[in-house]
Amino acid sequence: MSLSSSVARVLSSSTAVKQNHLKRKRNDDITQDKAVHVAMHKDDDEREHTEPSPPSWGVLDVLGYYMEPETLCVASCVSTEWLNCFSSEDLWKYIMIARSAQPSSPYKFALENTENISYKHLVSTVERDAKRRRKDKPAELKISLSDLSFIVHVSTATKEASVLIKGKDLEFGPNDKFHIEADVSNSGIVVGEKDVRMTWQVVFKSSWANFSTLVDTTRSLDTSYGWFTDELQDKDNRKLVGDVKPSFNGDVLHKIGFAMMDSDGWGSLLVDGFLRYLQRFLLE
């Protein structure tokens, strides 16, 4: 083999080795790039499922206005990002500014006259007061006297009388106290009789599926005074009692009057208060 041929073979072999080395390196780089790309996508997917991004300010602008302080506090427990977002003074300030535009809003006064206190604390204070006032607001009336009928029954071991009084026949002014009387003179019950039982029941729209016993009491009769019943059941936890007042024609029992009173202040229930009391039992 000539010298020139040997040199050519060596150079050719060296070039081939170099090219193969570069090809392997290029393939390794491509494989590594693919691995990095896949790993990045995997990290993104995992982050997407494990680390929820905080809501945008646009969402907060929409939702924050309708949220109670308690709701925002619960939202703050979702994640660190939500804690930072929902605890932001900017959010609470936005709530105050938005609600201060309402007529007679306490937020406007609070913004103008309160310093060195967090907006979050101010919103919580005002909303707590509003919730208390909503709780104290009387329930909407859903029944009227014309929906009701009253049944009064009085009896002893040997005598009795029953009276039906329709609510539509009763007349009251808007601020009148509730008081109703039943004529039971045909019972023949007289002064001094023992164990006289009196019951007052109310029927809603002539349906015995909805009725309530207001008073079921047994007493001896006396001409000088009436009496208060035991405490009546009340879903609002007031200390209500029935005020029973018999009246006589001579020695004969003529009428029985009934009213309701709050024993905390000994004030009689007005007609609307009496109707609200009844609807808790008749409708709910």
Protein backbone atom coordinates (compact mmCIF):
# COMPACT_ATOMS: atom_id res chain seq x y z
CA MET A 1 0.00 0.00 0.00
CA SER A 2 1.35 3.36 -0.96
CA LEU A 3 1.95 6.11 1.61
CA SER A 4 -0.73 8.31 0.08
CA SER A 5 -3.34 5.54 0.31
CA SER A 6 -2.53 4.94 3.98
CA VAL A 7 -2.81 8.59 4.82
CA ALA A 8 -6.16 8.83 3.01
CA ARG A 9 -7.52 5.80 4.93
CA VAL A 10 -6.43 7.26 8.29
CA LEU A 11 -7.98 10.64 7.53
CA SER A 12 -11.19 8.99 6.33
CA SER A 13 -11.38 6.86 9.47
CA SER A 14 -10.71 9.86 11.71
CA THR A 15 -13.44 11.88 10.00
CA ALA A 16 -15.94 9.02 10.35
CA VAL A 17 -15.17 8.65 14.04
CA LYS A 18 -15.59 12.37 14.55
CA GLN A 19 -18.89 12.39 12.63
CA ASN A 20 -20.22 9.41 14.63
CA HIS A 21 -19.23 11.16 17.85
CA LEU A 22 -21.04 14.35 16.81
CA LYS A 23 -24.12 12.33 15.77
CA ARG A 24 -24.22 10.52 19.13
CA LYS A 25 -23.82 13.83 20.94
CA ARG A 26 -26.59 15.36 18.86
CA ASN A 27 -28.89 12.40 19.60
CA ASP A 28 -28.04 12.62 23.32
CA ASP A 29 -28.84 16.33 23.32
CA ILE A 30 -32.20 15.70 21.63
CA THR A 31 -33.07 12.94 24.10
CA GLN A 32 -32.08 15.16 27.03
CA ASP A 33 -34.13 18.07 25.66
CA LYS A 34 -37.14 15.78 25.30
CA ALA A 35 -36.72 14.57 28.87
CA VAL A 36 -36.50 18.12 30.17
CA HIS A 37 -39.56 19.14 28.13
CA VAL A 38 -41.59 16.17 29.42
CA ALA A 39 -40.48 16.86 32.99
CA MET A 40 -41.50 20.51 32.67
CA HIS A 41 -44.97 19.53 31.43
CA LYS A 42 -45.25 16.98 34.23
CA ASP A 43 -44.33 19.62 36.81
CA ASP A 44 -46.88 22.00 35.28
CA ASP A 45 -49.59 19.33 35.44
CA GLU A 46 -48.76 18.47 39.04
CA ARG A 47 -48.68 22.15 39.99
CA GLU A 48 -52.03 22.66 38.24
CA HIS A 49 -53.63 19.93 40.37
CA THR A 50 -51.88 20.62 43.66
CA GLU A 51 -51.55 24.41 43.79
CA PRO A 52 -54.77 26.20 42.78
CA SER A 53 -54.10 29.70 41.65
CA PRO A 54 -55.75 32.48 43.63
CA PRO A 55 -58.90 34.03 42.14
CA SER A 56 -58.38 37.07 40.01
CA TRP A 57 -59.29 40.54 41.23
CA GLY A 58 -62.15 40.49 38.74
CA VAL A 59 -63.68 37.51 40.55
CA LEU A 60 -63.14 39.17 43.92
CA ASP A 61 -64.78 42.35 42.65
CA VAL A 62 -67.88 40.34 41.76
CA LEU A 63 -68.02 38.03 44.78
CA GLY A 64 -66.62 40.21 47.56
CA TYR A 65 -69.61 42.54 47.59
CA TYR A 66 -72.00 39.67 48.39
CA MET A 67 -69.85 37.87 50.94
CA GLU A 68 -70.39 37.95 54.67
CA PRO A 69 -67.27 38.35 56.82
CA GLU A 70 -67.62 34.72 57.90
CA THR A 71 -67.57 33.60 54.25
CA LEU A 72 -64.38 35.50 53.57
CA CYS A 73 -62.81 33.95 56.66
CA VAL A 74 -63.71 30.45 55.44
CA ALA A 75 -62.33 31.26 51.99
CA SER A 76 -59.09 32.31 53.66
CA CYS A 77 -58.59 28.72 54.83
CA VAL A 78 -58.43 27.24 51.31
CA SER A 79 -54.75 27.94 50.72
CA THR A 80 -51.98 30.37 51.50
CA GLU A 81 -52.70 32.26 48.29
CA TRP A 82 -56.40 32.55 49.18
CA LEU A 83 -55.48 33.62 52.70
CA ASN A 84 -53.36 36.44 51.37
CA CYS A 85 -55.95 37.36 48.77
CA PHE A 86 -59.04 37.33 50.98
CA SER A 87 -57.24 38.99 53.87
CA SER A 88 -56.08 41.86 51.72
CA GLU A 89 -57.00 45.28 53.05
CA ASP A 90 -57.65 46.30 49.43
CA LEU A 91 -60.53 43.81 49.23
CA TRP A 92 -62.10 44.92 52.50
CA LYS A 93 -61.66 48.57 51.54
CA TYR A 94 -63.41 47.85 48.24
CA ILE A 95 -66.34 46.29 50.10
CA MET A 96 -66.65 49.36 52.31
CA ILE A 97 -66.47 51.80 49.40
CA ALA A 98 -69.02 49.83 47.36
CA ARG A 99 -71.50 49.58 50.24
CA SER A 100 -71.00 53.17 51.36
CA ALA A 101 -72.91 54.23 48.23
CA GLN A 102 -76.12 52.71 49.61
CA PRO A 103 -78.62 55.10 51.24
CA SER A 104 -78.07 55.59 54.99
CA SER A 105 -75.09 53.27 54.89
CA PRO A 106 -72.99 53.13 58.07
CA TYR A 107 -69.96 52.36 55.89
CA LYS A 108 -69.79 55.95 54.63
CA PHE A 109 -69.63 57.29 58.17
CA ALA A 110 -67.06 54.66 59.14
CA LEU A 111 -64.84 55.55 56.18
CA GLU A 112 -64.97 59.27 56.90
CA ASN A 113 -64.63 59.20 60.68
CA THR A 114 -62.58 56.15 61.61
CA GLU A 115 -58.80 56.07 61.55
CA ASN A 116 -56.04 53.64 62.50
CA ILE A 117 -58.24 50.55 62.31
CA SER A 118 -58.29 47.82 59.66
CA TYR A 119 -60.99 47.80 56.99
CA LYS A 120 -61.58 44.13 57.73
CA HIS A 121 -62.39 44.91 61.35
CA LEU A 122 -64.74 47.74 60.35
CA VAL A 123 -66.65 45.55 57.89
CA SER A 124 -66.97 42.76 60.46
CA THR A 125 -68.33 45.20 63.06
CA VAL A 126 -70.91 46.77 60.74
CA GLU A 127 -72.06 43.42 59.32
CA ARG A 128 -72.40 41.93 62.79
CA ASP A 129 -74.68 44.82 63.76
CA ALA A 130 -76.71 44.41 60.56
CA LYS A 131 -77.17 40.70 61.21
CA ARG A 132 -78.40 41.42 64.73
CA ARG A 133 -80.94 43.94 63.40
CA ARG A 134 -82.17 41.48 60.77
CA LYS A 135 -82.65 38.89 63.48
CA ASP A 136 -84.64 41.35 65.60
CA LYS A 137 -86.87 42.39 62.69
CA PRO A 138 -90.46 41.11 63.09
CA ALA A 139 -91.42 38.24 60.82
CA GLU A 140 -93.57 39.01 57.82
CA LEU A 141 -97.27 38.48 58.53
CA LYS A 142 -98.70 35.65 56.44
CA ILE A 143 -102.05 35.22 58.20
CA SER A 144 -104.87 37.57 59.17
CA LEU A 145 -107.72 37.45 61.65
CA SER A 146 -110.12 36.55 58.83
CA ASP A 147 -108.17 33.28 58.41
CA LEU A 148 -108.90 32.24 61.99
CA SER A 149 -111.74 30.84 64.06
CA PHE A 150 -111.64 30.63 67.86
CA ILE A 151 -113.32 27.88 69.86
CA VAL A 152 -113.93 28.57 73.55
CA HIS A 153 -115.05 25.75 75.82
CA VAL A 154 -115.89 25.99 79.53
CA SER A 155 -117.01 23.09 81.69
CA THR A 156 -117.40 21.61 85.16
CA ALA A 157 -118.28 18.07 86.15
CA THR A 158 -121.96 18.72 85.29
CA LYS A 159 -122.09 21.90 83.15
CA GLU A 160 -120.54 23.07 79.92
CA ALA A 161 -120.75 25.58 77.07
CA SER A 162 -118.90 26.04 73.77
CA VAL A 163 -118.63 29.17 71.65
CA LEU A 164 -117.34 29.68 68.09
CA ILE A 165 -115.91 33.12 67.29
CA LYS A 166 -114.90 33.92 63.72
CA GLY A 167 -111.93 36.19 63.28
CA LYS A 168 -113.57 38.07 60.42
CA ASP A 169 -116.20 39.33 62.88
CA LEU A 170 -113.61 40.87 65.21
CA GLU A 171 -112.66 44.52 64.87
CA PHE A 172 -109.30 45.92 65.95
CA GLY A 173 -107.36 49.07 65.21
CA PRO A 174 -103.80 48.87 63.81
CA ASN A 175 -102.20 49.36 67.25
CA ASP A 176 -104.82 47.68 69.42
CA LYS A 177 -103.98 45.02 71.96
CA PHE A 178 -105.34 41.58 71.23
CA HIS A 179 -108.25 40.74 73.51
CA ILE A 180 -111.20 38.48 72.86
CA GLU A 181 -114.33 37.68 74.88
CA ALA A 182 -116.74 34.76 74.66
CA ASP A 183 -120.30 34.77 76.00
CA VAL A 184 -120.72 31.53 78.01
CA SER A 185 -123.75 32.57 80.07
CA ASN A 186 -125.72 29.51 78.90
CA SER A 187 -123.34 27.26 80.82
CA GLY A 188 -125.10 27.98 84.11
CA ILE A 189 -121.75 28.04 85.94
CA VAL A 190 -121.85 30.24 89.04
CA VAL A 191 -119.43 32.00 91.37
CA GLY A 192 -117.39 29.80 93.67
CA GLU A 193 -117.57 26.61 91.59
CA LYS A 194 -114.45 24.47 91.80
CA ASP A 195 -112.47 22.86 89.01
CA VAL A 196 -113.81 24.94 86.15
CA ARG A 197 -111.94 24.01 82.96
CA MET A 198 -111.47 26.56 80.17
CA THR A 199 -109.90 25.89 76.78
CA TRP A 200 -109.15 28.28 73.94
CA GLN A 201 -108.36 26.80 70.54
CA VAL A 202 -107.70 28.47 67.19
CA VAL A 203 -108.43 26.90 63.78
CA PHE A 204 -106.72 28.07 60.59
CA LYS A 205 -109.04 28.47 57.58
CA SER A 206 -111.62 26.04 59.00
CA SER A 207 -109.17 23.17 58.59
CA TRP A 208 -108.67 20.95 61.60
CA ALA A 209 -105.38 19.88 60.06
CA ASN A 210 -104.04 23.25 61.25
CA PHE A 211 -105.16 24.21 64.71
CA SER A 212 -103.54 25.07 68.00
CA THR A 213 -104.63 25.02 71.63
CA LEU A 214 -103.75 28.36 73.18
CA VAL A 215 -104.93 27.74 76.74
CA ASP A 216 -106.12 24.72 78.69
CA THR A 217 -106.52 25.75 82.32
CA THR A 218 -108.54 24.60 85.33
CA ARG A 219 -109.36 26.93 88.22
CA SER A 220 -112.04 27.79 90.76
CA LEU A 221 -114.13 30.88 89.95
CA ASP A 222 -113.96 34.13 91.87
CA THR A 223 -115.65 37.43 91.06
CA SER A 224 -112.79 39.64 92.25
CA TYR A 225 -109.99 38.80 89.82
CA GLY A 226 -108.83 36.77 86.86
CA TRP A 227 -105.59 34.87 86.62
CA PHE A 228 -102.55 34.20 84.51
CA THR A 229 -102.02 30.82 82.94
CA ASP A 230 -98.82 28.83 83.09
CA GLU A 231 -96.12 29.96 80.67
CA LEU A 232 -97.18 29.37 77.07
CA GLN A 233 -95.06 27.60 74.50
CA ASP A 234 -93.19 30.11 72.35
CA LYS A 235 -90.70 29.39 69.55
CA ASP A 236 -88.96 32.72 70.17
CA ASN A 237 -88.30 31.83 73.82
CA ARG A 238 -90.33 34.70 75.23
CA LYS A 239 -92.03 34.28 78.60
CA LEU A 240 -95.63 34.55 77.42
CA VAL A 241 -98.65 33.87 79.61
CA GLY A 242 -102.39 33.91 79.02
CA ASP A 243 -104.46 36.54 80.83
CA VAL A 244 -107.89 35.05 81.65
CA LYS A 245 -110.61 37.34 83.00
CA PRO A 246 -114.09 36.03 83.82
CA SER A 247 -117.01 38.44 84.19
CA PHE A 248 -120.34 37.76 85.92
CA ASN A 249 -123.97 38.73 85.70
CA GLY A 250 -124.91 38.50 89.34
CA ASP A 251 -123.53 35.15 90.44
CA VAL A 252 -123.67 33.57 86.99
CA LEU A 253 -120.60 33.37 84.76
CA HIS A 254 -121.29 35.69 81.82
CA LYS A 255 -118.14 36.09 79.71
CA ILE A 256 -114.57 34.89 79.61
CA GLY A 257 -111.91 37.27 78.30
CA PHE A 258 -108.51 36.21 77.00
CA ALA A 259 -105.34 38.14 76.14
CA MET A 260 -101.62 37.35 75.97
CA MET A 261 -98.83 39.07 77.87
CA ASP A 262 -95.04 38.98 77.95
CA SER A 263 -94.16 38.41 81.60
CA ASP A 264 -90.76 40.08 81.18
CA GLY A 265 -92.38 43.50 80.92
CA TRP A 266 -96.03 42.62 81.50
CA GLY A 267 -97.04 44.17 78.22
CA SER A 268 -99.98 42.80 76.26
CA LEU A 269 -99.39 41.51 72.74
CA LEU A 270 -100.77 43.69 69.97
CA VAL A 271 -102.90 42.11 67.27
CA ASP A 272 -99.96 41.80 64.85
CA GLY A 273 -97.78 40.29 67.57
CA PHE A 274 -100.50 37.77 68.37
CA LEU A 275 -100.81 36.81 64.69
CA ARG A 276 -97.04 36.37 64.36
CA TYR A 277 -97.12 34.15 67.43
CA LEU A 278 -99.85 31.98 65.90
CA GLN A 279 -98.33 31.62 62.45
CA ARG A 280 -95.23 29.99 63.93
CA PHE A 281 -97.46 27.10 64.99
CA LEU A 282 -100.00 27.10 62.16
CA LEU A 283 -97.70 27.51 59.15
CA GLU A 284 -94.15 26.44 60.04
